[in-house]
């Protein structure tokens, strides 16, 4: 289902219905904060951002954030947590 939906999105971009930079795949994932905000400036419906595949309506993971600096930030996360040793019982 996901691959079919992605192909459909590619076709809609190719036809000019959606600009490439504002397409659902480029804006994914769509966190609840974005979907519930009062302003929606994307060329596709909020509902499509929330549920691009029908099967997600029954089992959806809501990401806490959207992309972090696109692919670079998603692949090069920096943890600002205390060292693991600080959580050990003394």
PDB file of N, CA and C in Angstrom:
ATOM      1  N   UNK A   1       0.817  -1.206   0.000  1.00  0.00           N
ATOM      2  CA  UNK A   1       0.000   0.000   0.000  1.00  0.00           C
ATOM      3  C   UNK A   1       0.858   1.266   0.000  1.00  0.00           C
ATOM      4  N   UNK A   2       1.914   1.254   0.811  1.00  0.00           N
ATOM      5  CA  UNK A   2       2.756   2.444   0.911  1.00  0.00           C
ATOM      6  C   UNK A   2       3.426   2.762  -0.422  1.00  0.00           C
ATOM      7  N   UNK A   3       3.946   1.745  -1.094  1.00  0.00           N
ATOM      8  CA  UNK A   3       4.628   1.982  -2.367  1.00  0.00           C
ATOM      9  C   UNK A   3       3.654   2.481  -3.436  1.00  0.00           C
ATOM     10  N   UNK A   4       2.443   1.979  -3.424  1.00  0.00           N
ATOM     11  CA  UNK A   4       1.424   2.443  -4.367  1.00  0.00           C
ATOM     12  C   UNK A   4       1.088   3.903  -4.083  1.00  0.00           C
ATOM     13  N   UNK A   5       0.969   4.263  -2.801  1.00  0.00           N
ATOM     14  CA  UNK A   5       0.674   5.650  -2.427  1.00  0.00           C
ATOM     15  C   UNK A   5       1.818   6.575  -2.831  1.00  0.00           C
ATOM     16  N   UNK A   6       3.054   6.130  -2.640  1.00  0.00           N
ATOM     17  CA  UNK A   6       4.207   6.949  -3.026  1.00  0.00           C
ATOM     18  C   UNK A   6       4.219   7.158  -4.538  1.00  0.00           C
ATOM     19  N   UNK A   7       3.937   6.117  -5.300  1.00  0.00           N
ATOM     20  CA  UNK A   7       3.872   6.248  -6.766  1.00  0.00           C
ATOM     21  C   UNK A   7       2.787   7.234  -7.161  1.00  0.00           C
ATOM     22  N   UNK A   8       1.658   7.193  -6.474  1.00  0.00           N
ATOM     23  CA  UNK A   8       0.575   8.133  -6.750  1.00  0.00           C
ATOM     24  C   UNK A   8       1.016   9.569  -6.467  1.00  0.00           C
ATOM     25  N   UNK A   9       1.756   9.760  -5.376  1.00  0.00           N
ATOM     26  CA  UNK A   9       2.265  11.097  -5.060  1.00  0.00           C
ATOM     27  C   UNK A   9       3.244  11.568  -6.127  1.00  0.00           C
ATOM     28  N   UNK A  10       4.111  10.677  -6.584  1.00  0.00           N
ATOM     29  CA  UNK A  10       5.065  11.026  -7.645  1.00  0.00           C
ATOM     30  C   UNK A  10       4.313  11.439  -8.908  1.00  0.00           C
ATOM     31  N   UNK A  11       3.264  10.713  -9.250  1.00  0.00           N
ATOM     32  CA  UNK A  11       2.464  11.043 -10.430  1.00  0.00           C
ATOM     33  C   UNK A  11       1.817  12.416 -10.290  1.00  0.00           C
ATOM     34  N   UNK A  12       1.357  12.750  -9.096  1.00  0.00           N
ATOM     35  CA  UNK A  12       0.710  14.052  -8.885  1.00  0.00           C
ATOM     36  C   UNK A  12       1.727  15.189  -8.964  1.00  0.00           C
ATOM     37  N   UNK A  13       2.949  14.931  -8.520  1.00  0.00           N
ATOM     38  CA  UNK A  13       4.017  15.929  -8.667  1.00  0.00           C
ATOM     39  C   UNK A  13       4.373  16.068 -10.145  1.00  0.00           C
ATOM     40  N   UNK A  14       4.512  14.949 -10.842  1.00  0.00           N
ATOM     41  CA  UNK A  14       4.870  14.969 -12.263  1.00  0.00           C
ATOM     42  C   UNK A  14       3.822  15.690 -13.107  1.00  0.00           C
ATOM     43  N   UNK A  15       2.558  15.578 -12.719  1.00  0.00           N
ATOM     44  CA  UNK A  15       1.489  16.235 -13.475  1.00  0.00           C
ATOM     45  C   UNK A  15       1.373  17.722 -13.149  1.00  0.00           C
ATOM     46  N   UNK A  16       2.098  18.175 -12.121  1.00  0.00           N
ATOM     47  CA  UNK A  16       2.045  19.578 -11.737  1.00  0.00           C
ATOM     48  C   UNK A  16       0.991  19.895 -10.699  1.00  0.00           C
ATOM     49  N   UNK A  17       0.261  18.892 -10.242  1.00  0.00           N
ATOM     50  CA  UNK A  17      -0.774  19.127  -9.226  1.00  0.00           C
ATOM     51  C   UNK A  17      -0.160  19.608  -7.916  1.00  0.00           C
ATOM     52  N   UNK A  18       0.976  19.024  -7.542  1.00  0.00           N
ATOM     53  CA  UNK A  18       1.694  19.426  -6.327  1.00  0.00           C
ATOM     54  C   UNK A  18       3.110  19.826  -6.701  1.00  0.00           C
ATOM     55  N   UNK A  19       3.618  20.930  -6.135  1.00  0.00           N
ATOM     56  CA  UNK A  19       5.034  21.252  -6.343  1.00  0.00           C
ATOM     57  C   UNK A  19       5.906  20.236  -5.607  1.00  0.00           C
ATOM     58  N   UNK A  20       7.052  19.917  -6.168  1.00  0.00           N
ATOM     59  CA  UNK A  20       7.931  18.912  -5.570  1.00  0.00           C
ATOM     60  C   UNK A  20       8.278  19.253  -4.129  1.00  0.00           C
ATOM     61  N   UNK A  21       8.675  20.495  -3.869  1.00  0.00           N
ATOM     62  CA  UNK A  21       9.118  20.884  -2.525  1.00  0.00           C
ATOM     63  C   UNK A  21       7.983  20.912  -1.510  1.00  0.00           C
ATOM     64  N   UNK A  22       6.745  20.966  -1.969  1.00  0.00           N
ATOM     65  CA  UNK A  22       5.600  21.009  -1.048  1.00  0.00           C
ATOM     66  C   UNK A  22       4.783  19.726  -1.114  1.00  0.00           C
ATOM     67  N   UNK A  23       5.370  18.660  -1.598  1.00  0.00           N
ATOM     68  CA  UNK A  23       4.644  17.394  -1.718  1.00  0.00           C
ATOM     69  C   UNK A  23       4.571  16.685  -0.365  1.00  0.00           C
ATOM     70  N   UNK A  24       3.599  15.810  -0.190  1.00  0.00           N
ATOM     71  CA  UNK A  24       3.462  15.104   1.090  1.00  0.00           C
ATOM     72  C   UNK A  24       4.707  14.311   1.481  1.00  0.00           C
ATOM     73  N   UNK A  25       5.346  13.688   0.509  1.00  0.00           N
ATOM     74  CA  UNK A  25       6.536  12.894   0.816  1.00  0.00           C
ATOM     75  C   UNK A  25       7.682  13.777   1.298  1.00  0.00           C
ATOM     76  N   UNK A  26       7.825  14.960   0.721  1.00  0.00           N
ATOM     77  CA  UNK A  26       8.875  15.884   1.163  1.00  0.00           C
ATOM     78  C   UNK A  26       8.579  16.452   2.550  1.00  0.00           C
ATOM     79  N   UNK A  27       7.307  16.560   2.905  1.00  0.00           N
ATOM     80  CA  UNK A  27       6.929  17.120   4.207  1.00  0.00           C
ATOM     81  C   UNK A  27       6.731  16.062   5.286  1.00  0.00           C
ATOM     82  N   UNK A  28       6.813  14.792   4.910  1.00  0.00           N
ATOM     83  CA  UNK A  28       6.624  13.707   5.883  1.00  0.00           C
ATOM     84  C   UNK A  28       7.818  13.623   6.825  1.00  0.00           C
ATOM     85  N   UNK A  29       7.616  13.220   8.052  1.00  0.00           N
ATOM     86  CA  UNK A  29       6.334  12.852   8.641  1.00  0.00           C
ATOM     87  C   UNK A  29       5.558  14.086   9.086  1.00  0.00           C
ATOM     88  N   UNK A  30       4.276  13.948   9.219  1.00  0.00           N
ATOM     89  CA  UNK A  30       3.404  15.035   9.647  1.00  0.00           C
ATOM     90  C   UNK A  30       3.050  14.832  11.120  1.00  0.00           C
ATOM     91  N   UNK A  31       3.727  15.537  12.032  1.00  0.00           N
ATOM     92  CA  UNK A  31       3.389  15.381  13.451  1.00  0.00           C
ATOM     93  C   UNK A  31       2.024  15.999  13.758  1.00  0.00           C
ATOM     94  N   UNK A  32       1.429  15.538  14.828  1.00  0.00           N
ATOM     95  CA  UNK A  32       0.104  16.032  15.225  1.00  0.00           C
ATOM     96  C   UNK A  32       0.107  17.550  15.380  1.00  0.00           C
ATOM     97  N   UNK A  33       1.198  18.114  15.883  1.00  0.00           N
ATOM     98  CA  UNK A  33       1.266  19.570  16.068  1.00  0.00           C
ATOM     99  C   UNK A  33       1.048  20.307  14.747  1.00  0.00           C
ATOM    100  N   UNK A  34       1.622  19.814  13.659  1.00  0.00           N
ATOM    101  CA  UNK A  34       1.422  20.436  12.345  1.00  0.00           C
ATOM    102  C   UNK A  34      -0.004  20.233  11.847  1.00  0.00           C
ATOM    103  N   UNK A  35      -0.515  19.031  12.024  1.00  0.00           N
ATOM    104  CA  UNK A  35      -1.849  18.713  11.513  1.00  0.00           C
ATOM    105  C   UNK A  35      -2.957  19.438  12.263  1.00  0.00           C
ATOM    106  N   UNK A  36      -2.726  19.756  13.530  1.00  0.00           N
ATOM    107  CA  UNK A  36      -3.751  20.407  14.347  1.00  0.00           C
ATOM    108  C   UNK A  36      -3.594  21.919  14.433  1.00  0.00           C
ATOM    109  N   UNK A  37      -2.537  22.455  13.851  1.00  0.00           N
ATOM    110  CA  UNK A  37      -2.318  23.904  13.881  1.00  0.00           C
ATOM    111  C   UNK A  37      -3.434  24.605  13.104  1.00  0.00           C
ATOM    112  N   UNK A  38      -3.770  25.839  13.486  1.00  0.00           N
ATOM    113  CA  UNK A  38      -4.864  26.528  12.795  1.00  0.00           C
ATOM    114  C   UNK A  38      -4.548  26.854  11.331  1.00  0.00           C
ATOM    115  N   UNK A  39      -3.265  27.020  11.001  1.00  0.00           N
ATOM    116  CA  UNK A  39      -2.884  27.385   9.633  1.00  0.00           C
ATOM    117  C   UNK A  39      -2.328  26.166   8.899  1.00  0.00           C
ATOM    118  N   UNK A  40      -2.813  25.910   7.706  1.00  0.00           N
ATOM    119  CA  UNK A  40      -2.328  24.805   6.862  1.00  0.00           C
ATOM    120  C   UNK A  40      -2.062  25.379   5.477  1.00  0.00           C
ATOM    121  N   UNK A  41      -0.794  25.449   5.074  1.00  0.00           N
ATOM    122  CA  UNK A  41      -0.445  26.096   3.806  1.00  0.00           C
ATOM    123  C   UNK A  41       0.059  25.121   2.746  1.00  0.00           C
ATOM    124  N   UNK A  42      -0.288  23.876   2.875  1.00  0.00           N
ATOM    125  CA  UNK A  42       0.199  22.867   1.932  1.00  0.00           C
ATOM    126  C   UNK A  42      -0.853  22.602   0.857  1.00  0.00           C
ATOM    127  N   UNK A  43      -0.429  22.187  -0.333  1.00  0.00           N
ATOM    128  CA  UNK A  43      -1.383  22.021  -1.436  1.00  0.00           C
ATOM    129  C   UNK A  43      -2.239  20.761  -1.361  1.00  0.00           C
ATOM    130  N   UNK A  44      -2.079  19.970  -0.340  1.00  0.00           N
ATOM    131  CA  UNK A  44      -2.879  18.762  -0.150  1.00  0.00           C
ATOM    132  C   UNK A  44      -3.628  18.891   1.169  1.00  0.00           C
ATOM    133  N   UNK A  45      -4.680  18.118   1.306  1.00  0.00           N
ATOM    134  CA  UNK A  45      -5.536  18.203   2.494  1.00  0.00           C
ATOM    135  C   UNK A  45      -4.818  17.706   3.743  1.00  0.00           C
ATOM    136  N   UNK A  46      -5.168  18.270   4.880  1.00  0.00           N
ATOM    137  CA  UNK A  46      -4.619  17.803   6.164  1.00  0.00           C
ATOM    138  C   UNK A  46      -4.850  16.311   6.337  1.00  0.00           C
ATOM    139  N   UNK A  47      -6.030  15.875   5.956  1.00  0.00           N
ATOM    140  CA  UNK A  47      -6.375  14.465   6.109  1.00  0.00           C
ATOM    141  C   UNK A  47      -5.391  13.583   5.348  1.00  0.00           C
ATOM    142  N   UNK A  48      -4.952  14.033   4.176  1.00  0.00           N
ATOM    143  CA  UNK A  48      -3.971  13.258   3.415  1.00  0.00           C
ATOM    144  C   UNK A  48      -2.620  13.260   4.125  1.00  0.00           C
ATOM    145  N   UNK A  49      -2.260  14.364   4.751  1.00  0.00           N
ATOM    146  CA  UNK A  49      -1.022  14.408   5.527  1.00  0.00           C
ATOM    147  C   UNK A  49      -1.069  13.463   6.713  1.00  0.00           C
ATOM    148  N   UNK A  50      -2.230  13.360   7.324  1.00  0.00           N
ATOM    149  CA  UNK A  50      -2.384  12.481   8.487  1.00  0.00           C
ATOM    150  C   UNK A  50      -2.462  11.019   8.081  1.00  0.00           C
ATOM    151  N   UNK A  51      -3.195  10.736   7.034  1.00  0.00           N
ATOM    152  CA  UNK A  51      -3.444   9.352   6.621  1.00  0.00           C
ATOM    153  C   UNK A  51      -3.206   9.182   5.119  1.00  0.00           C
ATOM    154  N   UNK A  52      -1.957   9.172   4.669  1.00  0.00           N
ATOM    155  CA  UNK A  52      -1.705   9.010   3.235  1.00  0.00           C
ATOM    156  C   UNK A  52      -2.074   7.617   2.720  1.00  0.00           C
ATOM    157  N   UNK A  53      -2.184   6.666   3.628  1.00  0.00           N
ATOM    158  CA  UNK A  53      -2.593   5.299   3.289  1.00  0.00           C
ATOM    159  C   UNK A  53      -3.774   4.951   4.192  1.00  0.00           C
ATOM    160  N   UNK A  54      -4.831   4.436   3.622  1.00  0.00           N
ATOM    161  CA  UNK A  54      -6.070   4.161   4.364  1.00  0.00           C
ATOM    162  C   UNK A  54      -5.840   3.291   5.596  1.00  0.00           C
ATOM    163  N   UNK A  55      -4.939   2.332   5.512  1.00  0.00           N
ATOM    164  CA  UNK A  55      -4.714   1.419   6.643  1.00  0.00           C
ATOM    165  C   UNK A  55      -4.166   2.134   7.878  1.00  0.00           C
ATOM    166  N   UNK A  56      -3.627   3.331   7.719  1.00  0.00           N
ATOM    167  CA  UNK A  56      -3.109   4.075   8.871  1.00  0.00           C
ATOM    168  C   UNK A  56      -4.216   4.577   9.790  1.00  0.00           C
ATOM    169  N   UNK A  57      -5.433   4.595   9.322  1.00  0.00           N
ATOM    170  CA  UNK A  57      -6.544   5.073  10.155  1.00  0.00           C
ATOM    171  C   UNK A  57      -6.750   4.205  11.391  1.00  0.00           C
ATOM    172  N   UNK A  58      -6.392   2.947  11.328  1.00  0.00           N
ATOM    173  CA  UNK A  58      -6.589   2.056  12.473  1.00  0.00           C
ATOM    174  C   UNK A  58      -5.328   1.854  13.296  1.00  0.00           C
ATOM    175  N   UNK A  59      -4.174   2.170  12.733  1.00  0.00           N
ATOM    176  CA  UNK A  59      -2.920   1.966  13.453  1.00  0.00           C
ATOM    177  C   UNK A  59      -1.913   3.003  12.985  1.00  0.00           C
ATOM    178  N   UNK A  60      -1.837   4.111  13.696  1.00  0.00           N
ATOM    179  CA  UNK A  60      -0.999   5.229  13.272  1.00  0.00           C
ATOM    180  C   UNK A  60      -0.019   5.582  14.375  1.00  0.00           C
ATOM    181  N   UNK A  61       1.257   5.707  14.029  1.00  0.00           N
ATOM    182  CA  UNK A  61       2.261   6.240  14.944  1.00  0.00           C
ATOM    183  C   UNK A  61       2.346   7.732  14.686  1.00  0.00           C
ATOM    184  N   UNK A  62       2.152   8.523  15.728  1.00  0.00           N
ATOM    185  CA  UNK A  62       2.222   9.971  15.583  1.00  0.00           C
ATOM    186  C   UNK A  62       3.617  10.430  15.979  1.00  0.00           C
ATOM    187  N   UNK A  63       4.435  10.846  15.023  1.00  0.00           N
ATOM    188  CA  UNK A  63       5.793  11.280  15.353  1.00  0.00           C
ATOM    189  C   UNK A  63       5.751  12.558  16.179  1.00  0.00           C
ATOM    190  N   UNK A  64       6.630  12.682  17.169  1.00  0.00           N
ATOM    191  CA  UNK A  64       6.634  13.888  17.999  1.00  0.00           C
ATOM    192  C   UNK A  64       7.178  15.109  17.268  1.00  0.00           C
ATOM    193  N   UNK A  65       7.984  14.911  16.230  1.00  0.00           N
ATOM    194  CA  UNK A  65       8.552  16.025  15.468  1.00  0.00           C
ATOM    195  C   UNK A  65       8.552  15.675  13.988  1.00  0.00           C
ATOM    196  N   UNK A  66       8.718  16.702  13.167  1.00  0.00           N
ATOM    197  CA  UNK A  66       8.871  16.489  11.735  1.00  0.00           C
ATOM    198  C   UNK A  66      10.342  16.233  11.445  1.00  0.00           C
ATOM    199  N   UNK A  67      10.761  16.416  10.226  1.00  0.00           N
ATOM    200  CA  UNK A  67      12.171  16.196   9.891  1.00  0.00           C
ATOM    201  C   UNK A  67      13.054  17.211  10.592  1.00  0.00           C
ATOM    202  N   UNK A  68      14.258  16.775  10.894  1.00  0.00           N
ATOM    203  CA  UNK A  68      15.243  17.648  11.529  1.00  0.00           C
ATOM    204  C   UNK A  68      16.305  17.945  10.495  1.00  0.00           C
ATOM    205  N   UNK A  69      16.309  19.132   9.919  1.00  0.00           N
ATOM    206  CA  UNK A  69      17.296  19.515   8.917  1.00  0.00           C
ATOM    207  C   UNK A  69      17.324  18.495   7.777  1.00  0.00           C
ATOM    208  N   UNK A  70      16.165  18.089   7.336  1.00  0.00           N
ATOM    209  CA  UNK A  70      16.032  17.097   6.268  1.00  0.00           C
ATOM    210  C   UNK A  70      16.840  15.847   6.556  1.00  0.00           C
ATOM    211  N   UNK A  71      17.356  15.199   5.548  1.00  0.00           N
ATOM    212  CA  UNK A  71      18.011  13.899   5.746  1.00  0.00           C
ATOM    213  C   UNK A  71      19.277  14.012   6.579  1.00  0.00           C
ATOM    214  N   UNK A  72      20.022  15.091   6.448  1.00  0.00           N
ATOM    215  CA  UNK A  72      21.265  15.215   7.214  1.00  0.00           C
ATOM    216  C   UNK A  72      20.982  15.180   8.715  1.00  0.00           C
ATOM    217  N   UNK A  73      20.057  15.974   9.169  1.00  0.00           N
ATOM    218  CA  UNK A  73      19.748  16.005  10.593  1.00  0.00           C
ATOM    219  C   UNK A  73      19.136  14.718  11.100  1.00  0.00           C
ATOM    220  N   UNK A  74      18.343  14.074  10.257  1.00  0.00           N
ATOM    221  CA  UNK A  74      17.740  12.800  10.658  1.00  0.00           C
ATOM    222  C   UNK A  74      18.793  11.717  10.846  1.00  0.00           C
ATOM    223  N   UNK A  75      19.876  11.809  10.100  1.00  0.00           N
ATOM    224  CA  UNK A  75      20.921  10.773  10.170  1.00  0.00           C
ATOM    225  C   UNK A  75      22.050  11.121  11.126  1.00  0.00           C
ATOM    226  N   UNK A  76      22.135  12.363  11.558  1.00  0.00           N
ATOM    227  CA  UNK A  76      23.242  12.800  12.409  1.00  0.00           C
ATOM    228  C   UNK A  76      22.724  13.448  13.690  1.00  0.00           C
ATOM    229  N   UNK A  77      21.883  12.731  14.397  1.00  0.00           N
ATOM    230  CA  UNK A  77      21.323  13.252  15.643  1.00  0.00           C
ATOM    231  C   UNK A  77      22.406  13.353  16.706  1.00  0.00           C
ATOM    232  N   UNK A  78      22.293  14.345  17.547  1.00  0.00           N
ATOM    233  CA  UNK A  78      23.223  14.524  18.655  1.00  0.00           C
ATOM    234  C   UNK A  78      22.411  14.462  19.939  1.00  0.00           C
ATOM    235  N   UNK A  79      22.769  13.558  20.807  1.00  0.00           N
ATOM    236  CA  UNK A  79      22.060  13.415  22.073  1.00  0.00           C
ATOM    237  C   UNK A  79      22.658  14.371  23.095  1.00  0.00           C
ATOM    238  N   UNK A  80      21.816  15.112  23.772  1.00  0.00           N
ATOM    239  CA  UNK A  80      22.286  16.024  24.814  1.00  0.00           C
ATOM    240  C   UNK A  80      21.960  15.467  26.198  1.00  0.00           C
ATOM    241  N   UNK A  81      21.814  14.167  26.283  1.00  0.00           N
ATOM    242  CA  UNK A  81      21.490  13.502  27.543  1.00  0.00           C
ATOM    243  C   UNK A  81      22.741  13.369  28.408  1.00  0.00           C
ATOM    244  N   UNK A  82      22.506  13.195  29.690  1.00  0.00           N
ATOM    245  CA  UNK A  82      23.621  12.924  30.607  1.00  0.00           C
ATOM    246  C   UNK A  82      24.199  11.552  30.276  1.00  0.00           C
ATOM    247  N   UNK A  83      25.463  11.297  30.625  1.00  0.00           N
ATOM    248  CA  UNK A  83      26.039   9.974  30.368  1.00  0.00           C
ATOM    249  C   UNK A  83      25.225   8.885  31.065  1.00  0.00           C
ATOM    250  N   UNK A  84      25.206   7.710  30.484  1.00  0.00           N
ATOM    251  CA  UNK A  84      24.417   6.596  31.017  1.00  0.00           C
ATOM    252  C   UNK A  84      24.809   6.270  32.454  1.00  0.00           C
ATOM    253  N   UNK A  85      26.079   6.476  32.791  1.00  0.00           N
ATOM    254  CA  UNK A  85      26.547   6.189  34.149  1.00  0.00           C
ATOM    255  C   UNK A  85      25.822   7.039  35.195  1.00  0.00           C
ATOM    256  N   UNK A  86      25.370   8.212  34.819  1.00  0.00           N
ATOM    257  CA  UNK A  86      24.695   9.089  35.780  1.00  0.00           C
ATOM    258  C   UNK A  86      23.328   8.546  36.197  1.00  0.00           C
ATOM    259  N   UNK A  87      22.799   7.592  35.451  1.00  0.00           N
ATOM    260  CA  UNK A  87      21.510   7.006  35.785  1.00  0.00           C
ATOM    261  C   UNK A  87      21.642   5.749  36.644  1.00  0.00           C
ATOM    262  N   UNK A  88      22.855   5.278  36.863  1.00  0.00           N
ATOM    263  CA  UNK A  88      23.083   4.063  37.651  1.00  0.00           C
ATOM    264  C   UNK A  88      22.815   4.337  39.128  1.00  0.00           C
ATOM    265  N   UNK A  89      22.251   3.347  39.795  1.00  0.00           N
ATOM    266  CA  UNK A  89      22.026   3.460  41.243  1.00  0.00           C
ATOM    267  C   UNK A  89      23.363   3.376  41.964  1.00  0.00           C
ATOM    268  N   UNK A  90      23.529   4.219  42.933  1.00  0.00           N
ATOM    269  CA  UNK A  90      24.790   4.194  43.690  1.00  0.00           C
ATOM    270  C   UNK A  90      24.625   3.454  44.983  1.00  0.00           C
TER     271      UNK A  90
END
